[in-house]
Protein backbone atom coordinates (compact mmCIF):
# COMPACT_ATOMS: atom_id res chain seq x y z
CA UNK A 1 0.00 0.00 0.00
CA UNK A 2 1.29 3.45 -0.88
CA UNK A 3 2.23 5.87 1.91
CA UNK A 4 -0.43 8.38 2.95
CA UNK A 5 1.37 11.30 1.31
CA UNK A 6 1.32 9.54 -2.09
CA UNK A 7 -2.45 9.09 -2.08
CA UNK A 8 -4.18 12.14 -3.61
CA UNK A 9 -7.57 10.99 -2.29
CA UNK A 10 -6.35 10.98 1.31
CA UNK A 11 -6.69 14.74 1.77
CA UNK A 12 -10.16 14.78 0.21
CA UNK A 13 -11.36 12.12 2.63
CA UNK A 14 -10.07 14.06 5.65
CA UNK A 15 -12.53 16.94 5.09
CA UNK A 16 -15.55 17.13 7.37
CA UNK A 17 -18.73 16.84 5.31
CA UNK A 18 -21.56 19.30 6.11
CA UNK A 19 -24.06 16.43 5.98
CA UNK A 20 -22.10 14.55 8.66
CA UNK A 21 -22.08 17.71 10.79
CA UNK A 22 -25.86 18.06 10.41
CA UNK A 23 -26.52 14.42 11.30
CA UNK A 24 -24.21 14.71 14.29
CA UNK A 25 -26.02 17.86 15.36
CA UNK A 26 -29.35 16.05 15.27
CA UNK A 27 -27.91 13.21 17.34
CA UNK A 28 -26.60 15.69 19.89
CA UNK A 29 -29.83 17.69 20.00
CA UNK A 30 -31.95 14.57 20.55
CA UNK A 31 -29.53 13.24 23.19
CA UNK A 32 -29.68 16.55 25.05
CA UNK A 33 -33.50 16.64 24.79
CA UNK A 34 -33.60 13.27 26.55
CA UNK A 35 -30.90 14.35 29.03
CA UNK A 36 -28.76 11.37 28.10
CA UNK A 37 -24.99 11.62 28.53
CA UNK A 38 -22.59 10.71 25.77
CA UNK A 39 -21.48 7.77 27.90
CA UNK A 40 -25.05 6.50 28.25
CA UNK A 41 -25.68 6.81 24.52
CA UNK A 42 -22.38 5.11 23.78
CA UNK A 43 -23.19 2.18 26.07
CA UNK A 44 -26.55 1.68 24.39
CA UNK A 45 -25.09 1.94 20.90
CA UNK A 46 -22.09 -0.28 21.59
CA UNK A 47 -19.37 2.32 21.05
CA UNK A 48 -17.14 4.50 23.23
CA UNK A 49 -18.23 7.95 24.37
CA UNK A 50 -15.29 9.33 22.36
CA UNK A 51 -16.87 7.85 19.24
CA UNK A 52 -20.17 9.56 20.09
CA UNK A 53 -18.23 12.84 20.41
CA UNK A 54 -16.81 12.31 16.92
CA UNK A 55 -20.24 11.49 15.48
CA UNK A 56 -21.77 14.58 17.08
CA UNK A 57 -19.04 16.84 15.68
CA UNK A 58 -19.30 15.24 12.24
CA UNK A 59 -15.65 14.17 12.35
CA UNK A 60 -16.59 10.50 11.83
CA UNK A 61 -19.39 9.27 9.62
CA UNK A 62 -22.14 7.21 11.19
CA UNK A 63 -22.82 3.96 9.34
CA UNK A 64 -26.44 3.12 8.57
CA UNK A 65 -26.42 0.24 11.06
CA UNK A 66 -24.92 2.41 13.83
CA UNK A 67 -27.37 5.23 13.05
CA UNK A 68 -30.26 2.83 13.62
CA UNK A 69 -28.74 1.68 16.93
CA UNK A 70 -28.30 5.30 18.03
CA UNK A 71 -31.85 6.14 16.93
CA UNK A 72 -33.19 3.26 19.01
CA UNK A 73 -31.38 4.47 22.13
CA UNK A 74 -32.64 8.00 21.46
CA UNK A 75 -36.23 6.76 20.96
CA UNK A 76 -36.14 8.18 17.46
CA UNK A 77 -35.84 6.94 13.89
CA UNK A 78 -32.97 6.84 11.45
CA UNK A 79 -34.98 9.11 9.15
CA UNK A 80 -35.42 11.71 11.87
CA UNK A 81 -31.68 11.75 12.55
CA UNK A 82 -30.91 11.98 8.84
CA UNK A 83 -33.26 14.94 8.55
CA UNK A 84 -34.33 16.78 5.46
CA UNK A 85 -31.31 16.96 3.19
CA UNK A 86 -32.85 18.41 0.05
CA UNK A 87 -33.63 22.04 -0.70
CA UNK A 88 -37.10 23.13 -1.79
CA UNK A 89 -35.90 22.77 -5.38
CA UNK A 90 -34.81 19.21 -4.57
CA UNK A 91 -31.68 19.28 -6.70
CA UNK A 92 -28.91 19.95 -4.17
CA UNK A 93 -28.12 19.53 -0.51
CA UNK A 94 -29.28 22.44 1.60
CA UNK A 95 -26.19 22.03 3.75
CA UNK A 96 -23.90 22.59 0.78
CA UNK A 97 -24.67 26.32 0.78
CA UNK A 98 -21.62 28.42 1.66
CA UNK A 99 -21.27 29.07 5.37
CA UNK A 100 -23.91 26.61 6.60
CA UNK A 101 -21.41 24.26 8.26
CA UNK A 102 -19.66 27.17 9.98
CA UNK A 103 -22.98 28.66 11.10
CA UNK A 104 -24.10 25.32 12.52
CA UNK A 105 -20.80 24.85 14.36
CA UNK A 106 -20.97 28.39 15.79
CA UNK A 107 -24.60 27.94 16.86
CA UNK A 108 -23.82 24.68 18.62
CA UNK A 109 -20.97 26.44 20.42
CA UNK A 110 -23.35 28.90 22.09
CA UNK A 111 -23.98 27.49 25.56
CA UNK A 112 -26.61 29.97 26.74
CA UNK A 113 -30.12 28.92 25.63
CA UNK A 114 -31.38 32.52 25.62
CA UNK A 115 -28.57 33.56 23.28
CA UNK A 116 -29.34 30.63 20.95
CA UNK A 117 -33.02 31.62 20.93
CA UNK A 118 -32.12 35.24 20.18
CA UNK A 119 -29.87 34.22 17.29
CA UNK A 120 -32.58 31.96 15.90
CA UNK A 121 -35.09 34.83 16.07
CA UNK A 122 -32.68 37.12 14.20
CA UNK A 123 -32.01 34.47 11.55
CA UNK A 124 -35.72 33.88 11.00
CA UNK A 125 -36.25 37.63 10.67
CA UNK A 126 -33.49 37.94 8.08
CA UNK A 127 -34.87 35.25 5.80
CA UNK A 128 -37.80 37.49 4.93
């Protein structure tokens, strides 16, 4: 096998995909709604809590089988965790729009619920 630095695909595969970030965000949101710790979710899904952290940040992709296990622990469905990935036009991923991944990451970084609500209100007002 060729060394990592000789594989042109290696760098492309290291990028975090906005879809993975969105799915991870839904996992995290549902987990927090149920007041389940990462360790509790991990135990139910058969992985380590570190792996749950990676899923929630979108660093690691969640396989279909693992997504269904996680959904079961979260009393949800795989479809709910996948979410709506198409735009109204249906021809491209809504998350592929410039800045969406950064906006989602910044929003998730806001710890104060009132600040998150205020930002959401502003965003809804700006969309027209």
